[in-house]
C-alpha cells in the first residue's frame, strides 16, 4: 500500500524523527540508555523513549480504529531497559508509517485525562491534528533525551531535539 501525498506530509516528519532517534540510540551505550538521573530527572533515556514510542503507536492504532487514548500505555516495558529493543520498535513503527495510508481530515475520538482528580473527557480531533501533536511531542522528548545523553557523555547530532520552527528559523540565518 503506497502513501498518498497527504500521507507523505503527515508521515515523513515522524519517520525522520524516529530514524534520527534510532540513530541516537545506536550511538549510546546500554549504561547511558538506562541511567536514572535522580535529582535532575526522575527517569532514564529509556523511559522517555518508551513514552515517545507509546504515543506514536497510539496515534497509528487510532488511524486504523478511530479511537485515540495516549494515556493508555504500559510503563516499565523492555523498551525502557533494552536499547536494541527500542531501536527495533522504532524500526517497526517506521515500517507501519510507510505502510499506512493517511486521511488527515479523518475524525478520531480522543479520550484524554486532563486531571488526575477528574474522569477523562472525550472529544473529537483529526488524524492530521494528532500527527502534529505527536511530532511536537516527539521533538520535545528528543530534546530532553539530548540533554540526558549529553550529561552522560553521549555524542549526538548537533540539532537533535530542535523543533521544526527553530530549524526553519536557523536556516534563514544561514546556520
N, C-alpha and C. Protein backbone atom coordinates (compact mmCIF):
# COMPACT_ATOMS: atom_id res chain seq x y z
N UNK A 1 0.85 -1.18 0.00
CA UNK A 1 0.00 0.00 0.00
C UNK A 1 0.89 1.24 0.00
N UNK A 2 0.83 2.02 -1.06
CA UNK A 2 1.68 3.19 -1.15
C UNK A 2 1.08 4.39 -0.45
N UNK A 3 1.93 5.31 -0.10
CA UNK A 3 1.46 6.52 0.58
C UNK A 3 0.93 7.53 -0.43
N UNK A 4 -0.08 8.26 -0.05
CA UNK A 4 -0.61 9.36 -0.83
C UNK A 4 0.16 10.61 -0.46
N UNK A 5 0.02 11.70 -1.24
CA UNK A 5 0.73 12.93 -0.87
C UNK A 5 0.44 13.40 0.55
N UNK A 6 -0.83 13.33 1.00
CA UNK A 6 -1.12 13.75 2.38
C UNK A 6 -0.44 12.83 3.38
N UNK A 7 -0.39 11.54 3.07
CA UNK A 7 0.31 10.61 3.95
C UNK A 7 1.78 10.98 4.04
N UNK A 8 2.37 11.36 2.91
CA UNK A 8 3.77 11.78 2.94
C UNK A 8 3.95 13.00 3.82
N UNK A 9 3.04 13.97 3.73
CA UNK A 9 3.14 15.17 4.56
C UNK A 9 2.98 14.85 6.03
N UNK A 10 2.11 13.92 6.34
CA UNK A 10 1.85 13.57 7.74
C UNK A 10 2.90 12.62 8.28
N UNK A 11 3.29 11.64 7.48
CA UNK A 11 4.18 10.58 7.98
C UNK A 11 5.67 10.93 7.89
N UNK A 12 6.08 11.62 6.84
CA UNK A 12 7.51 11.85 6.63
C UNK A 12 8.20 12.53 7.80
N UNK A 13 7.66 13.60 8.37
CA UNK A 13 8.36 14.21 9.51
C UNK A 13 8.52 13.24 10.69
N UNK A 14 7.51 12.44 10.94
CA UNK A 14 7.59 11.49 12.06
C UNK A 14 8.58 10.37 11.75
N UNK A 15 8.60 9.91 10.51
CA UNK A 15 9.58 8.90 10.10
C UNK A 15 10.99 9.44 10.31
N UNK A 16 11.22 10.68 9.89
CA UNK A 16 12.55 11.29 10.05
C UNK A 16 12.95 11.38 11.52
N UNK A 17 12.00 11.78 12.36
CA UNK A 17 12.29 11.87 13.80
C UNK A 17 12.62 10.49 14.38
N UNK A 18 11.86 9.48 13.99
CA UNK A 18 12.11 8.12 14.51
C UNK A 18 13.43 7.56 13.99
N UNK A 19 13.77 7.85 12.74
CA UNK A 19 15.06 7.41 12.21
C UNK A 19 16.21 8.08 12.95
N UNK A 20 16.05 9.38 13.21
CA UNK A 20 17.08 10.11 13.95
C UNK A 20 17.20 9.57 15.37
N UNK A 21 16.07 9.31 16.02
CA UNK A 21 16.08 8.76 17.37
C UNK A 21 16.76 7.39 17.38
N UNK A 22 16.43 6.53 16.44
CA UNK A 22 17.06 5.20 16.37
C UNK A 22 18.57 5.34 16.21
N UNK A 23 19.01 6.28 15.39
CA UNK A 23 20.45 6.51 15.21
C UNK A 23 21.11 6.96 16.51
N UNK A 24 20.44 7.83 17.24
CA UNK A 24 20.98 8.27 18.54
C UNK A 24 21.07 7.07 19.49
N UNK A 25 20.03 6.26 19.53
CA UNK A 25 20.04 5.09 20.43
C UNK A 25 21.17 4.14 20.08
N UNK A 26 21.43 3.96 18.80
CA UNK A 26 22.54 3.08 18.39
C UNK A 26 23.88 3.62 18.86
N UNK A 27 23.99 4.95 19.01
CA UNK A 27 25.27 5.56 19.40
C UNK A 27 25.51 5.54 20.91
N UNK A 28 24.46 5.25 21.68
CA UNK A 28 24.58 5.25 23.14
C UNK A 28 25.00 3.88 23.65
N UNK A 29 25.58 3.88 24.82
CA UNK A 29 25.86 2.60 25.50
C UNK A 29 24.60 2.18 26.26
N UNK A 30 24.57 0.93 26.65
CA UNK A 30 23.44 0.45 27.46
C UNK A 30 23.36 1.22 28.78
N UNK A 31 24.51 1.55 29.35
CA UNK A 31 24.53 2.30 30.61
C UNK A 31 23.96 3.69 30.42
N UNK A 32 24.34 4.36 29.34
CA UNK A 32 23.79 5.69 29.07
C UNK A 32 22.27 5.63 28.90
N UNK A 33 21.80 4.58 28.26
CA UNK A 33 20.38 4.43 27.96
C UNK A 33 19.54 4.21 29.22
N UNK A 34 20.08 3.47 30.17
CA UNK A 34 19.30 3.09 31.35
C UNK A 34 19.60 3.91 32.60
N UNK A 35 20.60 4.78 32.53
CA UNK A 35 20.99 5.56 33.71
C UNK A 35 19.82 6.41 34.19
N UNK A 36 19.52 6.33 35.49
CA UNK A 36 18.48 7.17 36.10
C UNK A 36 19.19 8.36 36.74
N UNK A 37 18.68 9.53 36.47
CA UNK A 37 19.36 10.76 36.85
C UNK A 37 19.02 11.26 38.25
N UNK A 38 18.06 10.65 38.90
CA UNK A 38 17.76 11.02 40.28
C UNK A 38 17.26 12.43 40.44
N UNK A 39 18.12 13.29 41.00
CA UNK A 39 17.66 14.63 41.37
C UNK A 39 17.37 15.54 40.18
N UNK A 40 17.93 15.27 39.02
CA UNK A 40 17.71 16.13 37.87
C UNK A 40 16.49 15.66 37.08
N UNK A 41 16.45 14.39 36.75
CA UNK A 41 15.33 13.76 36.04
C UNK A 41 15.00 12.49 36.80
N UNK A 42 13.73 12.28 37.08
CA UNK A 42 13.34 11.05 37.75
C UNK A 42 13.01 9.98 36.71
N UNK A 43 13.92 9.82 35.75
CA UNK A 43 13.71 8.88 34.67
C UNK A 43 15.03 8.59 33.98
N UNK A 44 14.94 7.75 32.97
CA UNK A 44 16.11 7.43 32.14
C UNK A 44 15.79 7.81 30.70
N UNK A 45 16.80 7.79 29.86
CA UNK A 45 16.56 7.98 28.43
C UNK A 45 15.57 6.93 27.96
N UNK A 46 15.75 5.70 28.41
CA UNK A 46 14.84 4.62 28.03
C UNK A 46 13.39 4.91 28.38
N UNK A 47 13.16 5.54 29.52
CA UNK A 47 11.80 5.90 29.91
C UNK A 47 11.18 6.91 28.95
N UNK A 48 11.98 7.89 28.52
CA UNK A 48 11.48 8.88 27.57
C UNK A 48 11.24 8.25 26.20
N UNK A 49 12.13 7.35 25.80
CA UNK A 49 11.96 6.67 24.51
C UNK A 49 10.67 5.85 24.53
N UNK A 50 10.45 5.09 25.58
CA UNK A 50 9.22 4.28 25.67
C UNK A 50 7.99 5.17 25.59
N UNK A 51 8.03 6.29 26.29
CA UNK A 51 6.92 7.23 26.30
C UNK A 51 6.62 7.75 24.89
N UNK A 52 7.66 8.16 24.18
CA UNK A 52 7.51 8.65 22.81
C UNK A 52 6.93 7.57 21.90
N UNK A 53 7.50 6.38 21.96
CA UNK A 53 7.06 5.31 21.07
C UNK A 53 5.63 4.88 21.38
N UNK A 54 5.24 4.93 22.65
CA UNK A 54 3.86 4.64 23.02
C UNK A 54 2.89 5.62 22.36
N UNK A 55 3.26 6.90 22.33
CA UNK A 55 2.40 7.91 21.72
C UNK A 55 2.28 7.69 20.21
N UNK A 56 3.40 7.39 19.56
CA UNK A 56 3.36 7.13 18.12
C UNK A 56 2.47 5.93 17.84
N UNK A 57 2.64 4.86 18.61
CA UNK A 57 1.83 3.65 18.41
C UNK A 57 0.36 3.92 18.66
N UNK A 58 0.04 4.69 19.68
CA UNK A 58 -1.37 5.02 19.98
C UNK A 58 -1.99 5.78 18.81
N UNK A 59 -1.27 6.74 18.26
CA UNK A 59 -1.77 7.50 17.12
C UNK A 59 -1.96 6.59 15.90
N UNK A 60 -0.97 5.76 15.62
CA UNK A 60 -1.10 4.84 14.49
C UNK A 60 -2.29 3.90 14.67
N UNK A 61 -2.46 3.37 15.86
CA UNK A 61 -3.60 2.49 16.13
C UNK A 61 -4.91 3.24 15.88
N UNK A 62 -4.96 4.49 16.29
CA UNK A 62 -6.18 5.28 16.13
C UNK A 62 -6.49 5.57 14.66
N UNK A 63 -5.46 5.68 13.83
CA UNK A 63 -5.72 5.91 12.41
C UNK A 63 -6.42 4.71 11.80
N UNK A 64 -6.32 3.56 12.44
CA UNK A 64 -7.00 2.35 11.97
C UNK A 64 -8.38 2.18 12.59
N UNK A 65 -8.50 2.44 13.90
CA UNK A 65 -9.79 2.14 14.56
C UNK A 65 -10.59 3.37 15.00
N UNK A 66 -10.01 4.56 14.87
CA UNK A 66 -10.76 5.78 15.17
C UNK A 66 -10.79 6.20 16.62
N UNK A 67 -10.24 5.39 17.52
CA UNK A 67 -10.25 5.69 18.97
C UNK A 67 -8.82 5.99 19.41
N UNK A 68 -8.61 7.14 20.04
CA UNK A 68 -7.27 7.55 20.45
C UNK A 68 -7.23 7.81 21.95
N UNK A 69 -6.27 7.18 22.60
CA UNK A 69 -6.07 7.38 24.04
C UNK A 69 -4.57 7.28 24.33
N UNK A 70 -3.92 8.43 24.47
CA UNK A 70 -2.49 8.46 24.76
C UNK A 70 -2.19 8.01 26.19
N UNK A 71 -3.19 8.08 27.07
CA UNK A 71 -2.98 7.75 28.48
C UNK A 71 -2.92 6.23 28.72
N UNK A 72 -3.41 5.47 27.79
CA UNK A 72 -3.43 4.01 27.94
C UNK A 72 -2.10 3.47 27.39
N UNK A 73 -1.13 3.34 28.27
CA UNK A 73 0.18 2.84 27.85
C UNK A 73 0.78 2.02 28.98
N UNK A 74 1.72 1.18 28.60
CA UNK A 74 2.37 0.32 29.59
C UNK A 74 3.69 0.94 30.00
N UNK A 75 3.90 1.00 31.29
CA UNK A 75 5.18 1.50 31.81
C UNK A 75 6.05 0.33 32.24
N UNK A 76 7.34 0.54 32.24
CA UNK A 76 8.26 -0.50 32.69
C UNK A 76 8.47 -1.63 31.70
N UNK A 77 8.26 -1.36 30.40
CA UNK A 77 8.44 -2.40 29.39
C UNK A 77 9.92 -2.55 29.03
N UNK A 78 10.21 -3.58 28.24
CA UNK A 78 11.58 -3.83 27.81
C UNK A 78 12.16 -2.69 26.97
N UNK A 79 11.29 -1.89 26.35
CA UNK A 79 11.77 -0.74 25.58
C UNK A 79 12.55 0.22 26.49
N UNK A 80 12.15 0.31 27.75
CA UNK A 80 12.82 1.21 28.70
C UNK A 80 14.20 0.72 29.11
N UNK A 81 14.40 -0.58 29.10
CA UNK A 81 15.62 -1.13 29.69
C UNK A 81 16.54 -1.83 28.68
N UNK A 82 16.09 -2.01 27.46
CA UNK A 82 16.89 -2.68 26.44
C UNK A 82 16.95 -1.81 25.19
N UNK A 83 18.10 -1.21 25.00
CA UNK A 83 18.30 -0.25 23.91
C UNK A 83 17.98 -0.86 22.55
N UNK A 84 18.42 -2.09 22.30
CA UNK A 84 18.18 -2.70 20.99
C UNK A 84 16.69 -2.96 20.75
N UNK A 85 15.97 -3.29 21.79
CA UNK A 85 14.52 -3.46 21.65
C UNK A 85 13.88 -2.13 21.27
N UNK A 86 14.37 -1.04 21.84
CA UNK A 86 13.86 0.29 21.49
C UNK A 86 14.16 0.61 20.02
N UNK A 87 15.37 0.31 19.58
CA UNK A 87 15.73 0.54 18.17
C UNK A 87 14.81 -0.28 17.27
N UNK A 88 14.61 -1.54 17.62
CA UNK A 88 13.72 -2.41 16.83
C UNK A 88 12.31 -1.85 16.79
N UNK A 89 11.84 -1.32 17.92
CA UNK A 89 10.49 -0.76 17.98
C UNK A 89 10.39 0.49 17.10
N UNK A 90 11.43 1.33 17.10
CA UNK A 90 11.46 2.49 16.20
C UNK A 90 11.31 2.02 14.76
N UNK A 91 12.07 0.99 14.39
CA UNK A 91 12.03 0.48 13.01
C UNK A 91 10.67 -0.11 12.67
N UNK A 92 10.03 -0.78 13.62
CA UNK A 92 8.69 -1.33 13.38
C UNK A 92 7.67 -0.21 13.15
N UNK A 93 7.78 0.85 13.94
CA UNK A 93 6.86 1.98 13.77
C UNK A 93 7.11 2.69 12.44
N UNK A 94 8.35 2.80 12.03
CA UNK A 94 8.67 3.38 10.71
C UNK A 94 8.04 2.53 9.61
N UNK A 95 8.16 1.21 9.71
CA UNK A 95 7.53 0.32 8.73
C UNK A 95 6.02 0.53 8.69
N UNK A 96 5.40 0.63 9.87
CA UNK A 96 3.95 0.87 9.92
C UNK A 96 3.59 2.19 9.26
N UNK A 97 4.37 3.23 9.53
CA UNK A 97 4.11 4.53 8.91
C UNK A 97 4.24 4.45 7.39
N UNK A 98 5.24 3.73 6.92
CA UNK A 98 5.44 3.58 5.48
C UNK A 98 4.31 2.81 4.81
N UNK A 99 3.63 1.96 5.56
CA UNK A 99 2.57 1.13 5.01
C UNK A 99 1.17 1.69 5.24
N UNK A 100 1.06 2.73 6.04
CA UNK A 100 -0.26 3.24 6.45
C UNK A 100 -0.70 4.40 5.58
N UNK A 101 -1.90 4.29 5.01
CA UNK A 101 -2.44 5.46 4.33
C UNK A 101 -2.86 6.49 5.38
N UNK A 102 -2.94 7.73 4.99
CA UNK A 102 -3.35 8.75 5.95
C UNK A 102 -4.41 9.64 5.34
N UNK A 103 -5.50 9.75 6.03
CA UNK A 103 -6.56 10.69 5.68
C UNK A 103 -6.54 11.74 6.77
N UNK A 104 -5.84 12.83 6.50
CA UNK A 104 -5.64 13.86 7.51
C UNK A 104 -6.91 14.44 8.08
N UNK A 105 -7.98 14.43 7.32
CA UNK A 105 -9.25 15.00 7.76
C UNK A 105 -10.12 13.99 8.50
N UNK A 106 -9.69 12.73 8.54
CA UNK A 106 -10.49 11.72 9.23
C UNK A 106 -10.67 12.11 10.69
N UNK A 107 -11.87 11.98 11.19
CA UNK A 107 -12.19 12.30 12.58
C UNK A 107 -11.81 11.14 13.48
N UNK A 108 -11.20 11.47 14.60
CA UNK A 108 -10.86 10.50 15.64
C UNK A 108 -11.60 10.89 16.93
N UNK A 109 -11.88 9.92 17.75
CA UNK A 109 -12.42 10.18 19.08
C UNK A 109 -11.26 10.11 20.05
N UNK A 110 -10.99 11.21 20.72
CA UNK A 110 -9.87 11.32 21.66
C UNK A 110 -10.39 11.21 23.08
N UNK A 111 -9.83 10.28 23.83
CA UNK A 111 -10.11 10.12 25.25
C UNK A 111 -8.87 10.62 25.98
N UNK A 112 -9.04 11.60 26.85
CA UNK A 112 -7.86 12.21 27.48
C UNK A 112 -8.15 12.57 28.94
N UNK A 113 -7.18 12.25 29.77
CA UNK A 113 -7.24 12.59 31.19
C UNK A 113 -6.57 13.96 31.36
N UNK A 114 -7.36 14.96 31.68
CA UNK A 114 -6.82 16.31 31.85
C UNK A 114 -6.40 16.61 33.28
N UNK A 115 -6.90 15.80 34.22
CA UNK A 115 -6.57 15.97 35.62
C UNK A 115 -6.60 14.60 36.29
N UNK A 116 -5.66 14.38 37.20
CA UNK A 116 -5.66 13.12 37.95
C UNK A 116 -6.86 13.02 38.88
N UNK A 117 -7.51 14.16 39.13
CA UNK A 117 -8.64 14.22 40.05
C UNK A 117 -10.00 14.25 39.37
N UNK A 118 -10.02 14.02 38.06
CA UNK A 118 -11.29 14.07 37.32
C UNK A 118 -11.31 12.94 36.31
N UNK A 119 -12.48 12.55 35.89
CA UNK A 119 -12.56 11.50 34.87
C UNK A 119 -12.06 12.01 33.53
N UNK A 120 -11.68 11.09 32.63
CA UNK A 120 -11.25 11.50 31.30
C UNK A 120 -12.39 12.19 30.55
N UNK A 121 -12.02 13.05 29.63
CA UNK A 121 -13.01 13.63 28.74
C UNK A 121 -12.90 12.95 27.39
N UNK A 122 -13.95 13.07 26.60
CA UNK A 122 -13.94 12.55 25.25
C UNK A 122 -14.26 13.71 24.33
N UNK A 123 -13.47 13.86 23.26
CA UNK A 123 -13.67 14.93 22.31
C UNK A 123 -13.31 14.42 20.92
N UNK A 124 -13.49 15.23 19.92
CA UNK A 124 -13.11 14.83 18.57
C UNK A 124 -11.89 15.60 18.13
N UNK A 125 -11.16 14.99 17.23
CA UNK A 125 -9.95 15.57 16.67
C UNK A 125 -9.79 14.97 15.29
N UNK A 126 -8.68 15.25 14.62
CA UNK A 126 -8.44 14.67 13.31
C UNK A 126 -7.08 13.98 13.28
N UNK A 127 -6.91 13.14 12.29
CA UNK A 127 -5.62 12.45 12.10
C UNK A 127 -4.51 13.47 11.94
N UNK A 128 -4.72 14.50 11.13
CA UNK A 128 -3.66 15.48 10.90
C UNK A 128 -3.33 16.28 12.16
N UNK A 129 -4.36 16.67 12.92
CA UNK A 129 -4.11 17.42 14.16
C UNK A 129 -3.28 16.59 15.12
N UNK A 130 -3.63 15.32 15.24
CA UNK A 130 -2.89 14.46 16.16
C UNK A 130 -1.51 14.11 15.64
N UNK A 131 -1.34 14.08 14.32
CA UNK A 131 0.02 13.91 13.75
C UNK A 131 0.89 15.09 14.18
N UNK A 132 0.32 16.29 14.11
CA UNK A 132 1.06 17.48 14.55
C UNK A 132 1.42 17.38 16.03
N UNK A 133 0.48 16.91 16.84
CA UNK A 133 0.77 16.73 18.26
C UNK A 133 1.88 15.72 18.48
N UNK A 134 1.80 14.57 17.80
CA UNK A 134 2.79 13.51 18.01
C UNK A 134 4.18 13.97 17.57
N UNK A 135 4.25 14.72 16.47
CA UNK A 135 5.55 15.26 16.04
C UNK A 135 6.09 16.22 17.10
N UNK A 136 5.28 17.16 17.56
CA UNK A 136 5.73 18.10 18.59
C UNK A 136 6.12 17.41 19.88
N UNK A 137 5.34 16.42 20.27
CA UNK A 137 5.62 15.65 21.48
C UNK A 137 6.94 14.91 21.34
N UNK A 138 7.17 14.32 20.18
CA UNK A 138 8.43 13.58 19.94
C UNK A 138 9.61 14.53 19.98
N UNK A 139 9.48 15.69 19.35
CA UNK A 139 10.57 16.68 19.38
C UNK A 139 10.87 17.08 20.82
N UNK A 140 9.84 17.36 21.59
CA UNK A 140 10.01 17.76 22.99
C UNK A 140 10.80 16.70 23.77
N UNK A 141 10.41 15.45 23.64
CA UNK A 141 11.12 14.40 24.37
C UNK A 141 12.51 14.14 23.79
N UNK A 142 12.68 14.30 22.49
CA UNK A 142 14.02 14.18 21.92
C UNK A 142 14.94 15.25 22.50
N UNK A 143 14.41 16.44 22.75
CA UNK A 143 15.22 17.49 23.37
C UNK A 143 15.65 17.09 24.78
N UNK A 144 14.75 16.49 25.53
CA UNK A 144 15.10 16.00 26.87
C UNK A 144 16.12 14.88 26.78
N UNK A 145 15.90 13.96 25.85
CA UNK A 145 16.84 12.86 25.63
C UNK A 145 18.22 13.41 25.28
N UNK A 146 18.25 14.47 24.48
CA UNK A 146 19.51 15.09 24.09
C UNK A 146 20.28 15.60 25.31
N UNK A 147 19.59 16.28 26.20
CA UNK A 147 20.23 16.79 27.42
C UNK A 147 20.74 15.63 28.26
N UNK A 148 19.89 14.62 28.45
CA UNK A 148 20.28 13.48 29.28
C UNK A 148 21.49 12.75 28.69
N UNK A 149 21.47 12.54 27.38
CA UNK A 149 22.58 11.83 26.73
C UNK A 149 23.87 12.63 26.84
N UNK A 150 23.78 13.93 26.64
CA UNK A 150 24.98 14.77 26.73
C UNK A 150 25.53 14.79 28.16
N UNK A 151 24.63 14.73 29.14
CA UNK A 151 25.08 14.68 30.55
C UNK A 151 25.86 13.41 30.83
N UNK A 152 25.63 12.36 30.05
CA UNK A 152 26.32 11.08 30.23
C UNK A 152 27.41 10.89 29.18
N UNK A 153 27.81 11.97 28.48
CA UNK A 153 28.91 11.90 27.53
C UNK A 153 28.53 11.43 26.14
N UNK A 154 27.25 11.40 25.83
CA UNK A 154 26.80 10.97 24.51
C UNK A 154 27.13 11.99 23.44
N UNK A 155 27.43 11.49 22.25
CA UNK A 155 27.68 12.33 21.09
C UNK A 155 26.46 12.26 20.19
N UNK A 156 25.77 13.37 20.02
CA UNK A 156 24.52 13.42 19.26
C UNK A 156 24.63 14.39 18.11
N UNK A 157 23.73 14.24 17.12
CA UNK A 157 23.68 15.25 16.06
C UNK A 157 23.47 16.64 16.69
N UNK A 158 24.08 17.64 16.11
CA UNK A 158 24.08 18.98 16.69
C UNK A 158 22.68 19.52 16.97
N UNK A 159 21.73 19.24 16.10
CA UNK A 159 20.40 19.83 16.24
C UNK A 159 19.35 18.79 16.60
N UNK A 160 19.77 17.70 17.23
CA UNK A 160 18.82 16.68 17.68
C UNK A 160 17.91 17.28 18.75
N UNK A 161 16.61 17.14 18.56
CA UNK A 161 15.65 17.66 19.51
C UNK A 161 15.20 19.09 19.23
N UNK A 162 15.64 19.65 18.11
CA UNK A 162 15.21 21.00 17.74
C UNK A 162 13.85 20.93 17.07
N UNK A 163 12.99 21.88 17.36
CA UNK A 163 11.67 21.97 16.74
C UNK A 163 11.80 22.36 15.26
N UNK A 164 10.88 21.90 14.43
CA UNK A 164 10.91 22.30 13.01
C UNK A 164 10.94 23.82 12.83
N UNK A 165 10.20 24.56 13.65
CA UNK A 165 10.19 26.03 13.52
C UNK A 165 11.56 26.62 13.85
N UNK A 166 12.25 26.02 14.81
CA UNK A 166 13.60 26.50 15.15
C UNK A 166 14.56 26.20 14.02
N UNK A 167 14.47 25.01 13.46
CA UNK A 167 15.34 24.65 12.34
C UNK A 167 15.10 25.57 11.13
N UNK A 168 13.82 25.87 10.86
CA UNK A 168 13.49 26.77 9.75
C UNK A 168 14.05 28.17 10.03
N UNK A 169 13.93 28.65 11.26
CA UNK A 169 14.47 29.95 11.63
C UNK A 169 15.99 29.98 11.46
N UNK A 170 16.66 28.93 11.92
CA UNK A 170 18.12 28.89 11.81
C UNK A 170 18.56 28.89 10.35
N UNK A 171 17.79 28.25 9.48
CA UNK A 171 18.11 28.25 8.04
C UNK A 171 18.05 29.66 7.48
N UNK A 172 17.11 30.48 7.96
CA UNK A 172 17.02 31.85 7.45
C UNK A 172 18.23 32.66 7.90
N UNK A 173 18.89 32.20 8.92
CA UNK A 173 20.10 32.87 9.45
C UNK A 173 21.38 32.23 8.93
N UNK A 174 21.23 31.25 8.04
CA UNK A 174 22.40 30.59 7.47
C UNK A 174 23.11 29.64 8.42
N UNK A 175 22.38 29.13 9.43
CA UNK A 175 23.00 28.21 10.38
C UNK A 175 22.43 26.85 10.27
